[in-house]
Amino acid sequence: MVDVDPVYANSEEWYESIPEDIRPTRDQPFYHLLAENDESSYVAYVSQQNLLADAEAGPIDHPSLDEMFEGYRNGRYRLRRSLSH
């Protein structure tokens, strides 16, 4: 996870593009995640109800890792000090 919005904070157009029968409610946390699949790396915006555990539970290969994190240790990424609050 890179960041979290306590409630939905993306565009109305994005929200309405989700089919109504699977559209998450707005009143839950939404996470900005570094994600990857077999074809690309991207930043995903995911509702809490749609989070899934990483089956591999290991480091990821994402082009934004080096600019955001100092390294991977003990199963966690360490946020760069310049980005922490």
PDB file of N, CA and C in Angstrom:
ATOM      1  N   MET A   1       0.841  -1.167   0.000  1.00  0.00           N
ATOM      2  CA  MET A   1       0.000   0.000   0.000  1.00  0.00           C
ATOM      3  C   MET A   1       0.890   1.236   0.000  1.00  0.00           C
ATOM      4  N   VAL A   2       0.496   2.206  -0.784  1.00  0.00           N
ATOM      5  CA  VAL A   2       1.228   3.450  -0.862  1.00  0.00           C
ATOM      6  C   VAL A   2       0.510   4.546  -0.083  1.00  0.00           C
ATOM      7  N   ASP A   3      -0.812   4.577  -0.172  1.00  0.00           N
ATOM      8  CA  ASP A   3      -1.594   5.613   0.495  1.00  0.00           C
ATOM      9  C   ASP A   3      -3.013   5.096   0.701  1.00  0.00           C
ATOM     10  N   VAL A   4      -3.762   5.785   1.553  1.00  0.00           N
ATOM     11  CA  VAL A   4      -5.144   5.376   1.807  1.00  0.00           C
ATOM     12  C   VAL A   4      -6.033   6.613   1.890  1.00  0.00           C
ATOM     13  N   ASP A   5      -7.223   6.506   1.339  1.00  0.00           N
ATOM     14  CA  ASP A   5      -8.268   7.509   1.485  1.00  0.00           C
ATOM     15  C   ASP A   5      -9.294   6.906   2.444  1.00  0.00           C
ATOM     16  N   PRO A   6      -9.647   7.585   3.536  1.00  0.00           N
ATOM     17  CA  PRO A   6     -10.590   7.005   4.498  1.00  0.00           C
ATOM     18  C   PRO A   6     -11.950   6.673   3.889  1.00  0.00           C
ATOM     19  N   VAL A   7     -12.345   7.423   2.868  1.00  0.00           N
ATOM     20  CA  VAL A   7     -13.552   7.154   2.092  1.00  0.00           C
ATOM     21  C   VAL A   7     -13.210   7.413   0.623  1.00  0.00           C
ATOM     22  N   TYR A   8     -14.072   7.016  -0.270  1.00  0.00           N
ATOM     23  CA  TYR A   8     -13.830   7.170  -1.704  1.00  0.00           C
ATOM     24  C   TYR A   8     -13.457   8.614  -2.050  1.00  0.00           C
ATOM     25  N   ALA A   9     -12.383   8.783  -2.829  1.00  0.00           N
ATOM     26  CA  ALA A   9     -11.921  10.122  -3.189  1.00  0.00           C
ATOM     27  C   ALA A   9     -11.402  10.175  -4.628  1.00  0.00           C
ATOM     28  N   ASN A  10     -11.944   9.370  -5.488  1.00  0.00           N
ATOM     29  CA  ASN A  10     -11.559   9.383  -6.895  1.00  0.00           C
ATOM     30  C   ASN A  10     -12.678  10.081  -7.677  1.00  0.00           C
ATOM     31  N   SER A  11     -12.581  10.097  -8.986  1.00  0.00           N
ATOM     32  CA  SER A  11     -13.561  10.818  -9.800  1.00  0.00           C
ATOM     33  C   SER A  11     -14.915  10.100  -9.862  1.00  0.00           C
ATOM     34  N   GLU A  12     -15.934  10.881 -10.113  1.00  0.00           N
ATOM     35  CA  GLU A  12     -17.276  10.321 -10.286  1.00  0.00           C
ATOM     36  C   GLU A  12     -17.316   9.422 -11.520  1.00  0.00           C
ATOM     37  N   GLU A  13     -16.619   9.827 -12.552  1.00  0.00           N
ATOM     38  CA  GLU A  13     -16.561   9.030 -13.784  1.00  0.00           C
ATOM     39  C   GLU A  13     -15.965   7.646 -13.523  1.00  0.00           C
ATOM     40  N   TRP A  14     -14.889   7.583 -12.753  1.00  0.00           N
ATOM     41  CA  TRP A  14     -14.258   6.293 -12.423  1.00  0.00           C
ATOM     42  C   TRP A  14     -15.238   5.426 -11.641  1.00  0.00           C
ATOM     43  N   TYR A  15     -15.892   6.026 -10.645  1.00  0.00           N
ATOM     44  CA  TYR A  15     -16.837   5.283  -9.809  1.00  0.00           C
ATOM     45  C   TYR A  15     -18.001   4.734 -10.636  1.00  0.00           C
ATOM     46  N   GLU A  16     -18.558   5.554 -11.487  1.00  0.00           N
ATOM     47  CA  GLU A  16     -19.694   5.138 -12.315  1.00  0.00           C
ATOM     48  C   GLU A  16     -19.296   4.107 -13.372  1.00  0.00           C
ATOM     49  N   SER A  17     -18.014   4.010 -13.701  1.00  0.00           N
ATOM     50  CA  SER A  17     -17.570   3.023 -14.695  1.00  0.00           C
ATOM     51  C   SER A  17     -17.574   1.600 -14.147  1.00  0.00           C
ATOM     52  N   ILE A  18     -17.670   1.458 -12.838  1.00  0.00           N
ATOM     53  CA  ILE A  18     -17.733   0.126 -12.211  1.00  0.00           C
ATOM     54  C   ILE A  18     -19.162  -0.376 -12.329  1.00  0.00           C
ATOM     55  N   PRO A  19     -19.355  -1.585 -12.834  1.00  0.00           N
ATOM     56  CA  PRO A  19     -20.732  -2.110 -12.936  1.00  0.00           C
ATOM     57  C   PRO A  19     -21.448  -2.044 -11.586  1.00  0.00           C
ATOM     58  N   GLU A  20     -22.683  -1.589 -11.606  1.00  0.00           N
ATOM     59  CA  GLU A  20     -23.437  -1.344 -10.378  1.00  0.00           C
ATOM     60  C   GLU A  20     -23.523  -2.563  -9.470  1.00  0.00           C
ATOM     61  N   ASP A  21     -23.636  -3.755 -10.049  1.00  0.00           N
ATOM     62  CA  ASP A  21     -23.784  -4.950  -9.220  1.00  0.00           C
ATOM     63  C   ASP A  21     -22.511  -5.327  -8.462  1.00  0.00           C
ATOM     64  N   ILE A  22     -21.359  -4.762  -8.827  1.00  0.00           N
ATOM     65  CA  ILE A  22     -20.115  -5.032  -8.098  1.00  0.00           C
ATOM     66  C   ILE A  22     -19.468  -3.752  -7.566  1.00  0.00           C
ATOM     67  N   ARG A  23     -20.127  -2.623  -7.719  1.00  0.00           N
ATOM     68  CA  ARG A  23     -19.587  -1.328  -7.290  1.00  0.00           C
ATOM     69  C   ARG A  23     -19.502  -1.286  -5.763  1.00  0.00           C
ATOM     70  N   PRO A  24     -18.314  -0.979  -5.208  1.00  0.00           N
ATOM     71  CA  PRO A  24     -18.180  -0.906  -3.746  1.00  0.00           C
ATOM     72  C   PRO A  24     -18.836   0.363  -3.200  1.00  0.00           C
ATOM     73  N   THR A  25     -19.200   0.331  -1.942  1.00  0.00           N
ATOM     74  CA  THR A  25     -19.742   1.533  -1.315  1.00  0.00           C
ATOM     75  C   THR A  25     -18.619   2.554  -1.133  1.00  0.00           C
ATOM     76  N   ARG A  26     -18.988   3.801  -1.085  1.00  0.00           N
ATOM     77  CA  ARG A  26     -18.007   4.892  -0.960  1.00  0.00           C
ATOM     78  C   ARG A  26     -17.501   5.058   0.469  1.00  0.00           C
ATOM     79  N   ASP A  27     -18.239   4.581   1.452  1.00  0.00           N
ATOM     80  CA  ASP A  27     -17.936   4.847   2.860  1.00  0.00           C
ATOM     81  C   ASP A  27     -17.018   3.797   3.486  1.00  0.00           C
ATOM     82  N   GLN A  28     -15.955   3.497   2.804  1.00  0.00           N
ATOM     83  CA  GLN A  28     -14.951   2.558   3.304  1.00  0.00           C
ATOM     84  C   GLN A  28     -13.592   3.043   2.811  1.00  0.00           C
ATOM     85  N   PRO A  29     -12.513   2.579   3.409  1.00  0.00           N
ATOM     86  CA  PRO A  29     -11.192   2.988   2.936  1.00  0.00           C
ATOM     87  C   PRO A  29     -10.926   2.498   1.506  1.00  0.00           C
ATOM     88  N   PHE A  30     -10.231   3.340   0.748  1.00  0.00           N
ATOM     89  CA  PHE A  30      -9.759   2.992  -0.587  1.00  0.00           C
ATOM     90  C   PHE A  30      -8.249   3.154  -0.590  1.00  0.00           C
ATOM     91  N   TYR A  31      -7.556   2.145  -1.082  1.00  0.00           N
ATOM     92  CA  TYR A  31      -6.099   2.094  -1.022  1.00  0.00           C
ATOM     93  C   TYR A  31      -5.473   2.324  -2.391  1.00  0.00           C
ATOM     94  N   HIS A  32      -4.373   3.068  -2.390  1.00  0.00           N
ATOM     95  CA  HIS A  32      -3.540   3.241  -3.579  1.00  0.00           C
ATOM     96  C   HIS A  32      -2.444   2.191  -3.447  1.00  0.00           C
ATOM     97  N   LEU A  33      -2.414   1.246  -4.356  1.00  0.00           N
ATOM     98  CA  LEU A  33      -1.488   0.119  -4.263  1.00  0.00           C
ATOM     99  C   LEU A  33      -0.564   0.059  -5.468  1.00  0.00           C
ATOM    100  N   LEU A  34       0.675  -0.306  -5.229  1.00  0.00           N
ATOM    101  CA  LEU A  34       1.559  -0.639  -6.341  1.00  0.00           C
ATOM    102  C   LEU A  34       1.179  -2.052  -6.747  1.00  0.00           C
ATOM    103  N   ALA A  35       0.796  -2.211  -7.987  1.00  0.00           N
ATOM    104  CA  ALA A  35       0.302  -3.505  -8.456  1.00  0.00           C
ATOM    105  C   ALA A  35       1.041  -3.928  -9.712  1.00  0.00           C
ATOM    106  N   GLU A  36       0.942  -5.200 -10.003  1.00  0.00           N
ATOM    107  CA  GLU A  36       1.567  -5.736 -11.207  1.00  0.00           C
ATOM    108  C   GLU A  36       0.780  -6.951 -11.670  1.00  0.00           C
ATOM    109  N   ASN A  37       0.873  -7.201 -12.961  1.00  0.00           N
ATOM    110  CA  ASN A  37       0.340  -8.429 -13.525  1.00  0.00           C
ATOM    111  C   ASN A  37       1.363  -8.920 -14.534  1.00  0.00           C
ATOM    112  N   ASP A  38       1.019  -9.901 -15.330  1.00  0.00           N
ATOM    113  CA  ASP A  38       1.979 -10.462 -16.285  1.00  0.00           C
ATOM    114  C   ASP A  38       2.385  -9.470 -17.372  1.00  0.00           C
ATOM    115  N   GLU A  39       1.582  -8.416 -17.567  1.00  0.00           N
ATOM    116  CA  GLU A  39       1.831  -7.489 -18.672  1.00  0.00           C
ATOM    117  C   GLU A  39       2.368  -6.130 -18.257  1.00  0.00           C
ATOM    118  N   SER A  40       2.055  -5.671 -17.045  1.00  0.00           N
ATOM    119  CA  SER A  40       2.479  -4.316 -16.683  1.00  0.00           C
ATOM    120  C   SER A  40       2.484  -4.102 -15.176  1.00  0.00           C
ATOM    121  N   SER A  41       3.046  -2.965 -14.790  1.00  0.00           N
ATOM    122  CA  SER A  41       3.008  -2.485 -13.411  1.00  0.00           C
ATOM    123  C   SER A  41       2.188  -1.208 -13.411  1.00  0.00           C
ATOM    124  N   TYR A  42       1.438  -0.972 -12.350  1.00  0.00           N
ATOM    125  CA  TYR A  42       0.542   0.177 -12.303  1.00  0.00           C
ATOM    126  C   TYR A  42       0.195   0.501 -10.861  1.00  0.00           C
ATOM    127  N   VAL A  43      -0.463   1.630 -10.641  1.00  0.00           N
ATOM    128  CA  VAL A  43      -0.998   1.981  -9.333  1.00  0.00           C
ATOM    129  C   VAL A  43      -2.491   1.713  -9.385  1.00  0.00           C
ATOM    130  N   ALA A  44      -2.966   0.872  -8.486  1.00  0.00           N
ATOM    131  CA  ALA A  44      -4.377   0.497  -8.436  1.00  0.00           C
ATOM    132  C   ALA A  44      -5.072   1.267  -7.311  1.00  0.00           C
ATOM    133  N   TYR A  45      -6.354   1.516  -7.478  1.00  0.00           N
ATOM    134  CA  TYR A  45      -7.193   2.158  -6.461  1.00  0.00           C
ATOM    135  C   TYR A  45      -8.234   1.119  -6.070  1.00  0.00           C
ATOM    136  N   VAL A  46      -8.124   0.596  -4.848  1.00  0.00           N
ATOM    137  CA  VAL A  46      -8.903  -0.584  -4.463  1.00  0.00           C
ATOM    138  C   VAL A  46      -9.653  -0.341  -3.158  1.00  0.00           C
ATOM    139  N   SER A  47     -10.931  -0.694  -3.154  1.00  0.00           N
ATOM    140  CA  SER A  47     -11.728  -0.583  -1.928  1.00  0.00           C
ATOM    141  C   SER A  47     -11.294  -1.658  -0.942  1.00  0.00           C
ATOM    142  N   GLN A  48     -11.493  -1.381   0.322  1.00  0.00           N
ATOM    143  CA  GLN A  48     -11.104  -2.343   1.349  1.00  0.00           C
ATOM    144  C   GLN A  48     -11.781  -3.692   1.127  1.00  0.00           C
ATOM    145  N   GLN A  49     -13.057  -3.682   0.723  1.00  0.00           N
ATOM    146  CA  GLN A  49     -13.770  -4.951   0.542  1.00  0.00           C
ATOM    147  C   GLN A  49     -13.195  -5.786  -0.592  1.00  0.00           C
ATOM    148  N   ASN A  50     -12.415  -5.193  -1.478  1.00  0.00           N
ATOM    149  CA  ASN A  50     -11.846  -5.931  -2.602  1.00  0.00           C
ATOM    150  C   ASN A  50     -10.358  -6.257  -2.458  1.00  0.00           C
ATOM    151  N   LEU A  51      -9.795  -6.002  -1.288  1.00  0.00           N
ATOM    152  CA  LEU A  51      -8.393  -6.347  -1.078  1.00  0.00           C
ATOM    153  C   LEU A  51      -8.227  -7.858  -0.973  1.00  0.00           C
ATOM    154  N   LEU A  52      -7.158  -8.351  -1.548  1.00  0.00           N
ATOM    155  CA  LEU A  52      -6.815  -9.767  -1.464  1.00  0.00           C
ATOM    156  C   LEU A  52      -5.381  -9.881  -0.969  1.00  0.00           C
ATOM    157  N   ALA A  53      -5.118 -10.880  -0.197  1.00  0.00           N
ATOM    158  CA  ALA A  53      -3.750 -11.114   0.278  1.00  0.00           C
ATOM    159  C   ALA A  53      -2.864 -11.528  -0.892  1.00  0.00           C
ATOM    160  N   ASP A  54      -1.624 -11.114  -0.835  1.00  0.00           N
ATOM    161  CA  ASP A  54      -0.642 -11.508  -1.845  1.00  0.00           C
ATOM    162  C   ASP A  54      -0.240 -12.952  -1.566  1.00  0.00           C
ATOM    163  N   ALA A  55      -0.619 -13.857  -2.425  1.00  0.00           N
ATOM    164  CA  ALA A  55      -0.343 -15.284  -2.221  1.00  0.00           C
ATOM    165  C   ALA A  55       1.153 -15.567  -2.123  1.00  0.00           C
ATOM    166  N   GLU A  56       1.968 -14.792  -2.826  1.00  0.00           N
ATOM    167  CA  GLU A  56       3.414 -14.996  -2.797  1.00  0.00           C
ATOM    168  C   GLU A  56       4.055 -14.360  -1.573  1.00  0.00           C
ATOM    169  N   ALA A  57       3.437 -13.319  -1.032  1.00  0.00           N
ATOM    170  CA  ALA A  57       3.920 -12.628   0.163  1.00  0.00           C
ATOM    171  C   ALA A  57       5.401 -12.257   0.079  1.00  0.00           C
ATOM    172  N   GLY A  58       5.833 -11.868  -1.084  1.00  0.00           N
ATOM    173  CA  GLY A  58       7.230 -11.506  -1.239  1.00  0.00           C
ATOM    174  C   GLY A  58       7.376 -10.161  -1.897  1.00  0.00           C
ATOM    175  N   PRO A  59       8.592  -9.776  -2.192  1.00  0.00           N
ATOM    176  CA  PRO A  59       8.814  -8.478  -2.825  1.00  0.00           C
ATOM    177  C   PRO A  59       8.187  -8.418  -4.218  1.00  0.00           C
ATOM    178  N   ILE A  60       7.851  -7.198  -4.638  1.00  0.00           N
ATOM    179  CA  ILE A  60       7.288  -7.017  -5.970  1.00  0.00           C
ATOM    180  C   ILE A  60       8.305  -6.323  -6.859  1.00  0.00           C
ATOM    181  N   ASP A  61       8.065  -6.344  -8.138  1.00  0.00           N
ATOM    182  CA  ASP A  61       8.927  -5.691  -9.113  1.00  0.00           C
ATOM    183  C   ASP A  61       8.109  -4.577  -9.757  1.00  0.00           C
ATOM    184  N   HIS A  62       8.270  -3.367  -9.253  1.00  0.00           N
ATOM    185  CA  HIS A  62       7.489  -2.228  -9.730  1.00  0.00           C
ATOM    186  C   HIS A  62       8.434  -1.060  -9.978  1.00  0.00           C
ATOM    187  N   PRO A  63       8.274  -0.331 -11.071  1.00  0.00           N
ATOM    188  CA  PRO A  63       9.209   0.752 -11.380  1.00  0.00           C
ATOM    189  C   PRO A  63       9.220   1.890 -10.354  1.00  0.00           C
ATOM    190  N   SER A  64       8.207   2.034  -9.542  1.00  0.00           N
ATOM    191  CA  SER A  64       8.156   3.118  -8.551  1.00  0.00           C
ATOM    192  C   SER A  64       8.787   2.754  -7.205  1.00  0.00           C
ATOM    193  N   LEU A  65       9.196   1.525  -7.033  1.00  0.00           N
ATOM    194  CA  LEU A  65       9.733   1.092  -5.736  1.00  0.00           C
ATOM    195  C   LEU A  65      10.921   1.917  -5.284  1.00  0.00           C
ATOM    196  N   ASP A  66      11.897   2.112  -6.137  1.00  0.00           N
ATOM    197  CA  ASP A  66      13.122   2.802  -5.730  1.00  0.00           C
ATOM    198  C   ASP A  66      12.889   4.247  -5.338  1.00  0.00           C
ATOM    199  N   GLU A  67      11.946   4.918  -5.951  1.00  0.00           N
ATOM    200  CA  GLU A  67      11.696   6.313  -5.599  1.00  0.00           C
ATOM    201  C   GLU A  67      10.867   6.455  -4.332  1.00  0.00           C
ATOM    202  N   MET A  68      10.171   5.394  -3.915  1.00  0.00           N
ATOM    203  CA  MET A  68       9.299   5.477  -2.755  1.00  0.00           C
ATOM    204  C   MET A  68       9.833   4.771  -1.511  1.00  0.00           C
ATOM    205  N   PHE A  69      10.619   3.731  -1.720  1.00  0.00           N
ATOM    206  CA  PHE A  69      11.047   2.912  -0.594  1.00  0.00           C
ATOM    207  C   PHE A  69      12.560   2.728  -0.570  1.00  0.00           C
ATOM    208  N   GLU A  70      13.106   2.546   0.644  1.00  0.00           N
ATOM    209  CA  GLU A  70      14.538   2.356   0.832  1.00  0.00           C
ATOM    210  C   GLU A  70      14.945   0.904   0.666  1.00  0.00           C
ATOM    211  N   GLY A  71      14.049  -0.007   0.865  1.00  0.00           N
ATOM    212  CA  GLY A  71      14.383  -1.411   0.729  1.00  0.00           C
ATOM    213  C   GLY A  71      13.309  -2.301   1.301  1.00  0.00           C
ATOM    214  N   TYR A  72      13.550  -3.600   1.174  1.00  0.00           N
ATOM    215  CA  TYR A  72      12.612  -4.621   1.640  1.00  0.00           C
ATOM    216  C   TYR A  72      13.305  -5.424   2.731  1.00  0.00           C
ATOM    217  N   ARG A  73      12.717  -5.423   3.939  1.00  0.00           N
ATOM    218  CA  ARG A  73      13.321  -6.140   5.051  1.00  0.00           C
ATOM    219  C   ARG A  73      12.235  -6.711   5.947  1.00  0.00           C
ATOM    220  N   ASN A  74      12.408  -7.941   6.360  1.00  0.00           N
ATOM    221  CA  ASN A  74      11.453  -8.607   7.259  1.00  0.00           C
ATOM    222  C   ASN A  74      10.019  -8.574   6.735  1.00  0.00           C
ATOM    223  N   GLY A  75       9.874  -8.754   5.430  1.00  0.00           N
ATOM    224  CA  GLY A  75       8.550  -8.812   4.831  1.00  0.00           C
ATOM    225  C   GLY A  75       7.872  -7.479   4.625  1.00  0.00           C
ATOM    226  N   ARG A  76       8.609  -6.376   4.781  1.00  0.00           N
ATOM    227  CA  ARG A  76       8.012  -5.041   4.639  1.00  0.00           C
ATOM    228  C   ARG A  76       8.935  -4.121   3.857  1.00  0.00           C
ATOM    229  N   TYR A  77       8.308  -3.179   3.164  1.00  0.00           N
ATOM    230  CA  TYR A  77       9.056  -2.116   2.494  1.00  0.00           C
ATOM    231  C   TYR A  77       9.200  -0.953   3.463  1.00  0.00           C
ATOM    232  N   ARG A  78      10.337  -0.296   3.420  1.00  0.00           N
ATOM    233  CA  ARG A  78      10.599   0.837   4.307  1.00  0.00           C
ATOM    234  C   ARG A  78      10.476   2.134   3.510  1.00  0.00           C
ATOM    235  N   LEU A  79       9.495   2.959   3.869  1.00  0.00           N
ATOM    236  CA  LEU A  79       9.232   4.215   3.185  1.00  0.00           C
ATOM    237  C   LEU A  79      10.422   5.152   3.332  1.00  0.00           C
ATOM    238  N   ARG A  80      10.784   5.821   2.267  1.00  0.00           N
ATOM    239  CA  ARG A  80      11.878   6.788   2.330  1.00  0.00           C
ATOM    240  C   ARG A  80      11.521   7.890   3.326  1.00  0.00           C
ATOM    241  N   ARG A  81      12.499   8.300   4.102  1.00  0.00           N
ATOM    242  CA  ARG A  81      12.256   9.333   5.127  1.00  0.00           C
ATOM    243  C   ARG A  81      11.692  10.609   4.538  1.00  0.00           C
ATOM    244  N   SER A  82      12.109  10.958   3.338  1.00  0.00           N
ATOM    245  CA  SER A  82      11.630  12.192   2.706  1.00  0.00           C
ATOM    246  C   SER A  82      10.138  12.137   2.387  1.00  0.00           C
ATOM    247  N   LEU A  83       9.547  10.946   2.379  1.00  0.00           N
ATOM    248  CA  LEU A  83       8.122  10.789   2.063  1.00  0.00           C
ATOM    249  C   LEU A  83       7.257  10.571   3.289  1.00  0.00           C
ATOM    250  N   SER A  84       7.870  10.326   4.427  1.00  0.00           N
ATOM    251  CA  SER A  84       7.073  10.065   5.633  1.00  0.00           C
ATOM    252  C   SER A  84       6.608  11.374   6.265  1.00  0.00           C
ATOM    253  N   HIS A  85       5.562  11.293   7.029  1.00  0.00           N
ATOM    254  CA  HIS A  85       4.988  12.499   7.669  1.00  0.00           C
ATOM    255  C   HIS A  85       5.696  12.794   8.964  1.00  0.00           C
TER     256      HIS A  85
END
